[in-house]
Amino acid sequence: MSSLDVAAYNLKGQVFCGATLDVATISVATAITTGLILLNPPGSGVKCILVDAGFAFQTVPGAVHNIGLALTPPRGTVPTTITSVQTCPIQSADGSGSPGKSVAKLYDAVTFVTPAVPVAVRWCFGAVWGSSVGVSPSRFIDTIDGAIVLVPGAAVSFVRVTTASVGMCSFTWIEVPV
């Protein structure tokens, strides 16, 4: 059981969530990253404590899939090419319907400047090959419970190996002062 009291942070307005609503293709760990990327901007003044990450397949897995999370070390500048997740802005997780006051940013494509490229740190999800619909799980949630923290300038993204993974991604996180 986690000692992270998400509800207490949520009552203070410090828990945020966001997801893709359009289908995303998760990339391998390279400077050009696609899928869903959570960036704690340089100079933000907060640390982002990851609560969970979720993934749901859009296409039937026709081969083995391995999906995880990758960390990008902190940089003093924002990545060069970014595409914002326009269809689903960051929301406060407190049920208020508020767009939230998160300092973190969500993107569905980022080009990181070398040497700050993503490095796989956690393998969370996978799907076995199936010859018919319904042979693989359709939704995955990794309860991270604070095991990954983003300092200002750092990012976390979905990453894959083997077959291209196509689906929807989500993150929930807590923001605390540095």
Protein backbone atom coordinates (compact mmCIF):
# COMPACT_ATOMS: atom_id res chain seq x y z
CA MET A 1 0.00 0.00 0.00
CA SER A 2 1.23 3.45 -0.90
CA SER A 3 1.84 6.13 1.68
CA LEU A 4 1.10 8.80 -0.95
CA ASP A 5 -2.15 10.52 0.10
CA VAL A 6 -3.49 11.60 -3.30
CA ALA A 7 -6.84 12.68 -1.82
CA ALA A 8 -5.15 15.15 0.55
CA TYR A 9 -3.22 16.72 -2.35
CA ASN A 10 -6.41 16.74 -4.43
CA LEU A 11 -8.29 18.67 -1.73
CA LYS A 12 -5.54 21.31 -1.94
CA GLY A 13 -5.93 21.55 -5.75
CA GLN A 14 -2.52 20.00 -6.48
CA VAL A 15 -3.59 16.93 -8.51
CA PHE A 16 -3.92 17.15 -12.30
CA CYS A 17 -4.74 14.80 -15.14
CA GLY A 18 -4.71 14.80 -18.90
CA ALA A 19 -5.01 12.41 -21.80
CA THR A 20 -5.04 12.06 -25.53
CA LEU A 21 -8.47 11.91 -27.14
CA ASP A 22 -7.06 11.31 -30.57
CA VAL A 23 -5.23 8.10 -31.35
CA ALA A 24 -1.52 8.31 -30.58
CA THR A 25 1.32 6.17 -31.89
CA ILE A 26 3.92 5.57 -29.19
CA SER A 27 7.49 5.91 -30.43
CA VAL A 28 10.70 4.15 -29.46
CA ALA A 29 13.10 6.05 -27.17
CA THR A 30 14.58 8.65 -29.50
CA ALA A 31 14.89 12.44 -29.58
CA ILE A 32 11.68 12.59 -31.66
CA THR A 33 9.04 11.33 -29.24
CA THR A 34 5.35 10.70 -29.95
CA GLY A 35 2.48 9.39 -27.84
CA LEU A 36 1.95 11.48 -24.70
CA ILE A 37 4.68 13.54 -23.05
CA LEU A 38 4.39 15.27 -19.66
CA LEU A 39 6.90 18.11 -19.39
CA ASN A 40 7.74 19.97 -16.19
CA PRO A 41 8.99 23.22 -17.78
CA PRO A 42 12.38 24.66 -16.81
CA GLY A 43 12.04 27.13 -13.93
CA SER A 44 8.53 25.90 -13.02
CA GLY A 45 9.21 25.97 -9.28
CA VAL A 46 7.42 22.61 -8.78
CA LYS A 47 8.15 18.92 -8.81
CA CYS A 48 5.63 16.68 -10.59
CA ILE A 49 4.96 13.45 -8.69
CA LEU A 50 3.56 10.83 -11.06
CA VAL A 51 0.48 9.08 -9.66
CA ASP A 52 -0.46 6.86 -12.60
CA ALA A 53 -0.20 6.30 -16.33
CA GLY A 54 -2.81 4.67 -18.52
CA PHE A 55 -3.00 3.21 -22.00
CA ALA A 56 -5.86 1.75 -24.06
CA PHE A 57 -5.29 0.07 -27.44
CA GLN A 58 -7.08 1.54 -30.44
CA THR A 59 -6.09 -1.25 -32.80
CA VAL A 60 -6.20 -4.98 -32.17
CA PRO A 61 -2.70 -6.15 -31.20
CA GLY A 62 -1.44 -8.33 -34.03
CA ALA A 63 1.93 -8.96 -32.39
CA VAL A 64 3.68 -8.65 -29.04
CA HIS A 65 3.61 -5.12 -27.57
CA ASN A 66 5.86 -3.76 -24.82
CA ILE A 67 5.00 -0.29 -23.51
CA GLY A 68 6.76 1.61 -20.76
CA LEU A 69 7.72 5.02 -19.50
CA ALA A 70 10.87 6.94 -20.37
CA LEU A 71 12.47 9.84 -18.51
CA THR A 72 14.16 12.75 -20.21
CA PRO A 73 16.72 14.50 -18.00
CA PRO A 74 16.18 18.15 -17.10
CA ARG A 75 17.16 20.80 -19.61
CA GLY A 76 17.34 24.56 -19.24
CA THR A 77 15.25 25.09 -22.37
CA VAL A 78 11.92 23.86 -23.67
CA PRO A 79 12.18 21.18 -26.41
CA THR A 80 12.49 22.49 -29.95
CA THR A 81 9.46 21.08 -31.75
CA ILE A 82 6.32 20.53 -29.73
CA THR A 83 2.73 19.65 -30.55
CA SER A 84 0.24 20.40 -27.82
CA VAL A 85 -2.61 18.07 -26.92
CA GLN A 86 -5.35 20.47 -27.96
CA THR A 87 -8.33 18.16 -27.69
CA CYS A 88 -7.91 17.44 -23.99
CA PRO A 89 -6.31 20.17 -21.89
CA ILE A 90 -4.97 19.51 -18.43
CA GLN A 91 -7.72 19.36 -15.83
CA SER A 92 -7.77 19.67 -12.07
CA ALA A 93 -8.54 16.21 -10.69
CA ASP A 94 -10.74 17.60 -7.91
CA GLY A 95 -14.01 17.18 -9.82
CA SER A 96 -14.56 20.92 -10.21
CA GLY A 97 -14.42 20.82 -14.00
CA SER A 98 -11.76 23.51 -13.77
CA PRO A 99 -9.13 23.57 -16.50
CA GLY A 100 -6.62 23.57 -13.68
CA LYS A 101 -3.64 25.68 -12.77
CA SER A 102 -1.00 23.13 -13.60
CA VAL A 103 2.41 24.43 -14.58
CA ALA A 104 3.22 21.16 -16.34
CA LYS A 105 2.49 20.78 -20.06
CA LEU A 106 1.16 17.85 -22.10
CA TYR A 107 2.30 17.22 -25.66
CA ASP A 108 1.67 14.49 -28.19
CA ALA A 109 4.93 15.07 -30.07
CA VAL A 110 8.24 16.54 -28.93
CA THR A 111 11.73 16.78 -30.38
CA PHE A 112 14.21 16.77 -27.52
CA VAL A 113 17.61 18.40 -27.93
CA THR A 114 20.52 15.95 -27.62
CA PRO A 115 21.84 14.84 -25.14
CA ALA A 116 18.48 15.07 -23.35
CA VAL A 117 16.78 12.09 -24.99
CA PRO A 118 14.30 9.76 -23.28
CA VAL A 119 15.61 6.69 -21.47
CA ALA A 120 13.26 3.80 -20.66
CA VAL A 121 12.93 3.45 -16.88
CA ARG A 122 9.76 1.41 -16.31
CA TRP A 123 8.02 -1.26 -18.37
CA CYS A 124 4.35 -1.05 -17.47
CA PHE A 125 2.20 -2.67 -20.13
CA GLY A 126 2.27 -5.38 -22.70
CA ALA A 127 0.01 -7.37 -24.92
CA VAL A 128 0.44 -10.82 -26.34
CA TRP A 129 -0.25 -11.59 -29.95
CA GLY A 130 -3.82 -12.56 -30.66
CA SER A 131 -5.55 -13.90 -33.72
CA SER A 132 -8.98 -12.51 -32.79
CA VAL A 133 -10.53 -9.53 -31.05
CA GLY A 134 -10.57 -9.71 -27.26
CA VAL A 135 -7.55 -11.94 -26.70
CA SER A 136 -5.48 -9.15 -25.14
CA PRO A 137 -6.36 -6.76 -22.31
CA SER A 138 -7.94 -3.56 -23.61
CA ARG A 139 -6.89 -1.10 -20.90
CA PHE A 140 -3.85 -0.69 -18.70
CA ILE A 141 -3.26 1.47 -15.61
CA ASP A 142 0.15 1.61 -13.92
CA THR A 143 -0.19 2.92 -10.37
CA ILE A 144 3.16 4.64 -10.02
CA ASP A 145 2.43 6.20 -6.59
CA GLY A 146 5.30 8.69 -6.66
CA ALA A 147 8.02 6.29 -7.82
CA ILE A 148 8.77 8.78 -10.63
CA VAL A 149 9.23 12.51 -9.94
CA LEU A 150 9.91 15.18 -12.54
CA VAL A 151 12.13 18.05 -11.48
CA PRO A 152 11.89 21.34 -13.42
CA GLY A 153 13.02 20.78 -17.02
CA ALA A 154 12.43 16.99 -16.98
CA ALA A 155 9.83 15.00 -18.90
CA VAL A 156 8.20 11.58 -18.87
CA SER A 157 6.78 9.92 -21.97
CA PHE A 158 5.38 6.65 -23.14
CA VAL A 159 7.90 4.45 -24.97
CA ARG A 160 7.70 1.15 -26.80
CA VAL A 161 9.80 -1.60 -28.30
CA THR A 162 8.87 -4.18 -30.92
CA THR A 163 5.51 -3.43 -32.58
CA ALA A 164 4.15 0.13 -32.92
CA SER A 165 1.54 0.66 -30.20
CA VAL A 166 -1.48 2.72 -31.21
CA GLY A 167 -4.04 3.95 -28.69
CA MET A 168 -4.90 6.56 -26.09
CA CYS A 169 -2.61 7.59 -23.22
CA SER A 170 -3.14 9.39 -19.89
CA PHE A 171 -1.20 10.73 -16.90
CA THR A 172 -2.22 11.82 -13.39
CA TRP A 173 0.28 13.79 -11.29
CA ILE A 174 0.70 15.97 -8.19
CA GLU A 175 2.52 19.30 -8.25
CA VAL A 176 4.44 20.34 -5.10
CA PRO A 177 6.77 23.30 -4.57
CA VAL A 178 10.46 22.58 -5.11
